[in-house]
Amino acid sequence: MRATAAHGRGWGPFARHYLEMVAAMFVGMAVLGAAVRGGLALADLEFPVGPEPAALEMAVDMSAGMIVWMRYRGHGWAPTLEMTASMFVPALVLFPLLWTGVIPAGSLLLLEHVVMLPLMLLVMLRRRDEYGGPARV
């Protein structure tokens, strides 16, 4: 029998985990983003210009926060890496649309977030028991 990190049953813990992931994303963006920019400034370097580096940095920063929090909360590597993938898949799917002119560069980060939030939910629904969703009958 596999141990889970769920704390309680039902939609309350499930929703709490989702909100914790969103908060961890923001913390990751703020902390790691500031560290990257500060480190580059100290080295007298600039962050690469362009929508793709910005989108990838956003995914890395958000993932770092999520990984730290999920591991702290007792989640295993498989669900943690699945949640991390939900940060990168939107960018990788959107890049070809950007390169072919289907979406403008200024919309990439917004669309990345619009896709990643429901994708996180789908990842969580896949492992309802892990995140405290209702027990399967």
Protein backbone atom coordinates (compact mmCIF):
# COMPACT_ATOMS: atom_id res chain seq x y z
CA MET A 1 0.00 0.00 0.00
CA ARG A 2 1.34 3.39 -1.01
CA ALA A 3 1.50 6.17 1.57
CA THR A 4 0.00 9.44 0.43
CA ALA A 5 0.58 12.99 1.48
CA ALA A 6 -3.13 13.78 1.68
CA HIS A 7 -4.23 15.40 4.91
CA GLY A 8 -7.91 14.59 5.24
CA ARG A 9 -10.49 13.60 2.64
CA GLY A 10 -12.82 15.54 0.43
CA TRP A 11 -12.66 18.63 -1.71
CA GLY A 12 -11.42 20.93 1.08
CA PRO A 13 -7.92 19.44 1.26
CA PHE A 14 -7.90 19.13 -2.53
CA ALA A 15 -8.70 22.84 -2.96
CA ARG A 16 -6.20 23.74 -0.25
CA HIS A 17 -3.45 21.91 -2.11
CA TYR A 18 -4.32 23.72 -5.35
CA LEU A 19 -4.16 27.09 -3.60
CA GLU A 20 -0.90 26.10 -1.91
CA MET A 21 0.56 25.32 -5.35
CA VAL A 22 -0.51 28.71 -6.70
CA ALA A 23 1.03 30.41 -3.65
CA ALA A 24 4.24 28.37 -4.06
CA MET A 25 4.36 29.45 -7.71
CA PHE A 26 4.19 33.12 -6.71
CA VAL A 27 6.83 32.68 -4.02
CA GLY A 28 9.08 30.88 -6.49
CA MET A 29 8.64 33.64 -9.06
CA ALA A 30 9.41 36.35 -6.51
CA VAL A 31 12.32 34.69 -4.70
CA LEU A 32 14.09 32.86 -7.51
CA GLY A 33 13.29 35.58 -10.04
CA ALA A 34 14.86 38.19 -7.78
CA ALA A 35 17.85 35.95 -7.11
CA VAL A 36 18.45 35.37 -10.82
CA ARG A 37 18.12 39.06 -11.66
CA GLY A 38 20.30 40.04 -8.68
CA GLY A 39 22.96 37.49 -9.55
CA LEU A 40 23.05 38.64 -13.15
CA ALA A 41 23.31 42.27 -12.06
CA LEU A 42 26.20 41.45 -9.72
CA ALA A 43 27.95 39.71 -12.62
CA ASP A 44 27.18 42.70 -14.85
CA LEU A 45 25.07 40.49 -17.15
CA GLU A 46 21.56 40.85 -18.50
CA PHE A 47 18.79 38.29 -18.71
CA PRO A 48 18.34 37.06 -22.31
CA VAL A 49 15.75 39.11 -24.17
CA GLY A 50 12.84 37.35 -25.80
CA PRO A 51 9.57 35.66 -24.99
CA GLU A 52 10.98 32.12 -24.89
CA PRO A 53 13.61 32.77 -22.19
CA ALA A 54 11.01 34.67 -20.15
CA ALA A 55 8.53 31.79 -20.44
CA LEU A 56 11.13 29.19 -19.48
CA GLU A 57 12.39 31.26 -16.56
CA MET A 58 8.82 31.62 -15.34
CA ALA A 59 8.33 27.84 -15.51
CA VAL A 60 11.62 27.19 -13.67
CA ASP A 61 10.90 29.76 -10.95
CA MET A 62 7.36 28.48 -10.36
CA SER A 63 8.50 24.85 -10.42
CA ALA A 64 11.19 25.50 -7.82
CA GLY A 65 8.63 26.88 -5.40
CA MET A 66 6.27 23.99 -6.04
CA ILE A 67 8.97 21.35 -5.66
CA VAL A 68 10.12 22.74 -2.33
CA TRP A 69 6.58 22.96 -0.97
CA MET A 70 5.40 19.58 -2.27
CA ARG A 71 8.43 17.80 -0.84
CA TYR A 72 7.98 19.65 2.47
CA ARG A 73 4.35 18.48 2.55
CA GLY A 74 5.44 14.86 2.05
CA HIS A 75 4.61 14.27 -1.61
CA GLY A 76 6.71 11.77 -3.54
CA TRP A 77 8.81 12.52 -6.59
CA ALA A 78 6.31 11.20 -9.16
CA PRO A 79 3.47 13.59 -8.26
CA THR A 80 5.97 16.40 -7.72
CA LEU A 81 7.47 15.94 -11.18
CA GLU A 82 4.00 15.68 -12.75
CA MET A 83 3.06 18.98 -11.18
CA THR A 84 6.35 20.45 -12.39
CA ALA A 85 5.62 19.25 -15.92
CA SER A 86 2.38 21.23 -15.82
CA MET A 87 4.58 24.34 -15.65
CA PHE A 88 6.65 23.46 -18.74
CA VAL A 89 4.18 21.76 -21.08
CA PRO A 90 2.21 24.97 -21.80
CA ALA A 91 5.35 26.84 -22.82
CA LEU A 92 6.55 24.03 -25.05
CA VAL A 93 3.14 23.73 -26.71
CA LEU A 94 2.86 27.50 -27.19
CA PHE A 95 6.37 28.03 -28.64
CA PRO A 96 5.49 26.65 -32.11
CA LEU A 97 2.39 28.86 -32.14
CA LEU A 98 4.62 31.82 -31.34
CA TRP A 99 7.18 30.91 -34.00
CA THR A 100 4.53 30.51 -36.69
CA GLY A 101 2.90 33.83 -35.82
CA VAL A 102 -0.35 32.33 -34.52
CA ILE A 103 0.11 34.12 -31.20
CA PRO A 104 1.95 37.40 -30.60
CA ALA A 105 5.05 37.48 -28.38
CA GLY A 106 3.31 39.76 -25.88
CA SER A 107 0.65 37.11 -25.23
CA LEU A 108 2.95 34.19 -24.49
CA LEU A 109 3.26 34.62 -20.71
CA LEU A 110 -0.46 35.24 -20.26
CA LEU A 111 -1.37 32.21 -22.35
CA GLU A 112 1.21 30.12 -20.49
CA HIS A 113 -0.58 30.89 -17.23
CA VAL A 114 -4.05 30.43 -18.71
CA VAL A 115 -3.05 26.91 -19.80
CA MET A 116 -0.97 25.87 -16.78
CA LEU A 117 -3.60 26.54 -14.11
CA PRO A 118 -6.20 24.12 -15.54
CA LEU A 119 -3.40 21.69 -16.42
CA MET A 120 -2.37 21.66 -12.74
CA LEU A 121 -5.96 20.82 -11.88
CA LEU A 122 -5.98 17.93 -14.35
CA VAL A 123 -2.72 16.60 -12.87
CA MET A 124 -4.29 16.76 -9.43
CA LEU A 125 -7.50 15.07 -10.56
CA ARG A 126 -5.38 12.24 -11.97
CA ARG A 127 -4.11 11.59 -8.41
CA ARG A 128 -7.15 12.56 -6.34
CA ASP A 129 -6.08 10.33 -3.45
CA GLU A 130 -2.67 12.03 -3.31
CA TYR A 131 -4.23 15.47 -2.86
CA GLY A 132 -7.15 14.58 -0.59
CA GLY A 133 -9.94 14.41 -3.15
CA PRO A 134 -13.00 12.29 -2.51
CA ALA A 135 -12.36 8.59 -2.14
CA ARG A 136 -13.17 6.45 -5.15
CA VAL A 137 -16.16 4.17 -4.65
